Amino acid sequence: MPKYQFQVEVTPAYLPQQSAPEAGVFSFSYTITVRNTGEVAAQLVSRHWHISDALGHTHEVKGLGVVGEQPLLHPGEAFQYSSGCQLRTPSGTMHGIFHCVADDGEGFDCPISLFMLEATNAEAPDQPLSARVLH
């Protein structure tokens, strides 16, 4: 087991009730679960997100903690939170990094793998609102 390690799981969701597709507003939530899978207690100090829509517009979000907190996680402990974002297109991506500091003062980064934000059709939730072409 690595000495310094957090594992991140992401569950994104489309929010049709907060979206206005005709105006180019697509709202999404995402629930993040951060688990300390290392050997040392560590604190999630800051975040850095890259949020991109299907047209290639990218927005960066940097800040202290997550949802106003900087959780200290002992080995095996987890912290879960939900947040959200808006895109101008029905699909996009997010990825980022959590910067953490262990109890012994060692800093380390926890990468957050790329995940999809995909608006779905209310009548057919397994179908996207529009077809996407990936280049």
Protein backbone atom coordinates (compact mmCIF):
# COMPACT_ATOMS: atom_id res chain seq x y z
CA MET A 1 0.00 0.00 0.00
CA PRO A 2 1.41 3.43 -0.92
CA LYS A 3 2.17 5.74 1.97
CA TYR A 4 0.30 8.73 0.43
CA GLN A 5 -2.75 7.94 -1.67
CA PHE A 6 -6.35 9.05 -2.10
CA GLN A 7 -8.81 7.24 -4.36
CA VAL A 8 -11.54 9.28 -6.07
CA GLU A 9 -14.88 8.05 -7.41
CA VAL A 10 -17.19 10.32 -9.40
CA THR A 11 -20.91 10.01 -10.17
CA PRO A 12 -22.12 12.70 -12.59
CA ALA A 13 -25.79 13.47 -13.33
CA TYR A 14 -27.69 15.73 -15.72
CA LEU A 15 -30.12 18.17 -14.09
CA PRO A 16 -32.90 18.80 -16.65
CA GLN A 17 -35.00 20.85 -14.18
CA GLN A 18 -32.11 23.36 -13.85
CA SER A 19 -31.29 23.39 -17.58
CA ALA A 20 -32.55 25.47 -20.48
CA PRO A 21 -31.33 23.70 -23.64
CA GLU A 22 -32.97 26.28 -25.92
CA ALA A 23 -30.77 28.93 -24.23
CA GLY A 24 -27.64 26.78 -24.26
CA VAL A 25 -27.67 26.06 -20.53
CA PHE A 26 -27.03 22.46 -19.46
CA SER A 27 -26.71 21.88 -15.71
CA PHE A 28 -24.91 18.94 -14.14
CA SER A 29 -24.21 17.69 -10.65
CA TYR A 30 -21.40 15.40 -9.62
CA THR A 31 -20.91 13.46 -6.43
CA ILE A 32 -17.31 12.87 -5.39
CA THR A 33 -16.17 10.23 -2.92
CA VAL A 34 -12.58 10.63 -1.72
CA ARG A 35 -11.09 7.72 0.23
CA ASN A 36 -7.70 7.64 1.92
CA THR A 37 -6.18 4.38 0.64
CA GLY A 38 -2.71 5.28 1.91
CA GLU A 39 -0.93 4.55 5.16
CA VAL A 40 -0.91 8.09 6.62
CA ALA A 41 -3.69 10.51 7.56
CA ALA A 42 -3.90 13.39 5.08
CA GLN A 43 -5.92 16.52 4.45
CA LEU A 44 -7.48 17.55 1.15
CA VAL A 45 -6.25 21.14 0.93
CA SER A 46 -7.22 22.41 -2.53
CA ARG A 47 -8.73 21.52 -5.90
CA HIS A 48 -8.02 22.36 -9.54
CA TRP A 49 -10.69 21.42 -12.12
CA HIS A 50 -10.67 21.61 -15.93
CA ILE A 51 -14.25 21.72 -17.26
CA SER A 52 -14.69 21.53 -21.04
CA ASP A 53 -17.77 21.63 -23.24
CA ALA A 54 -18.21 19.89 -26.61
CA LEU A 55 -17.07 23.05 -28.46
CA GLY A 56 -13.71 23.01 -26.70
CA HIS A 57 -14.40 25.90 -24.31
CA THR A 58 -12.50 25.15 -21.11
CA HIS A 59 -13.04 26.68 -17.70
CA GLU A 60 -10.59 26.21 -14.83
CA VAL A 61 -11.70 26.23 -11.21
CA LYS A 62 -9.10 26.51 -8.44
CA GLY A 63 -9.72 26.95 -4.76
CA LEU A 64 -9.20 25.84 -1.21
CA GLY A 65 -10.88 22.64 -0.12
CA VAL A 66 -14.14 21.33 -1.51
CA VAL A 67 -17.61 22.75 -0.70
CA GLY A 68 -16.02 24.94 1.99
CA GLU A 69 -14.27 22.06 3.75
CA GLN A 70 -10.73 20.70 3.94
CA PRO A 71 -11.38 17.18 5.23
CA LEU A 72 -8.71 15.28 7.17
CA LEU A 73 -8.96 11.61 6.27
CA HIS A 74 -7.32 8.83 8.25
CA PRO A 75 -6.40 5.61 6.42
CA GLY A 76 -9.63 3.91 5.28
CA GLU A 77 -11.84 6.99 5.86
CA ALA A 78 -13.88 8.60 3.10
CA PHE A 79 -15.46 11.99 2.47
CA GLN A 80 -18.34 12.53 0.05
CA TYR A 81 -19.70 15.77 -1.36
CA SER A 82 -21.82 17.00 -4.25
CA SER A 83 -21.33 20.04 -6.43
CA GLY A 84 -22.27 21.16 -9.92
CA CYS A 85 -21.47 23.06 -13.07
CA GLN A 86 -23.11 24.37 -16.22
CA LEU A 87 -22.08 23.87 -19.84
CA ARG A 88 -23.14 25.57 -23.07
CA THR A 89 -23.43 22.20 -24.82
CA PRO A 90 -25.23 18.94 -23.91
CA SER A 91 -21.95 17.15 -23.32
CA GLY A 92 -18.51 17.83 -21.94
CA THR A 93 -15.78 16.55 -19.67
CA MET A 94 -14.17 17.25 -16.32
CA HIS A 95 -10.88 16.22 -14.78
CA GLY A 96 -8.59 17.65 -12.15
CA ILE A 97 -6.33 17.32 -9.15
CA PHE A 98 -6.78 17.45 -5.40
CA HIS A 99 -3.70 18.73 -3.57
CA CYS A 100 -3.27 16.99 -0.22
CA VAL A 101 -0.93 17.26 2.76
CA ALA A 102 -0.16 14.26 4.95
CA ASP A 103 0.11 14.42 8.76
CA ASP A 104 3.89 14.19 8.42
CA GLY A 105 3.93 17.37 6.27
CA GLU A 106 4.48 15.65 2.91
CA GLY A 107 2.42 17.13 0.07
CA PHE A 108 1.01 14.99 -2.73
CA ASP A 109 -1.41 15.31 -5.61
CA CYS A 110 -4.40 13.08 -6.21
CA PRO A 111 -5.41 13.06 -9.89
CA ILE A 112 -9.11 12.97 -10.77
CA SER A 113 -9.57 11.02 -14.00
CA LEU A 114 -11.49 12.46 -16.92
CA PHE A 115 -15.24 11.85 -16.70
CA MET A 116 -18.13 12.66 -19.04
CA LEU A 117 -20.97 15.08 -18.48
CA GLU A 118 -23.79 13.97 -20.77
CA ALA A 119 -27.29 15.47 -20.96
CA THR A 120 -29.94 12.80 -21.41
CA ASN A 121 -33.41 12.82 -22.88
CA ALA A 122 -36.11 12.71 -20.15
CA GLU A 123 -38.26 10.32 -22.24
CA ALA A 124 -35.30 8.00 -22.91
CA PRO A 125 -32.74 8.51 -20.10
CA ASP A 126 -30.24 6.14 -21.70
CA GLN A 127 -30.13 8.31 -24.84
CA PRO A 128 -28.20 11.62 -25.10
CA LEU A 129 -30.09 14.78 -26.10
CA SER A 130 -28.10 15.02 -29.31
CA ALA A 131 -25.57 13.01 -31.23
CA ARG A 132 -21.92 13.81 -30.59
CA VAL A 133 -19.07 13.58 -33.03
CA LEU A 134 -15.67 12.98 -31.49
CA HIS A 135 -12.71 14.17 -33.58
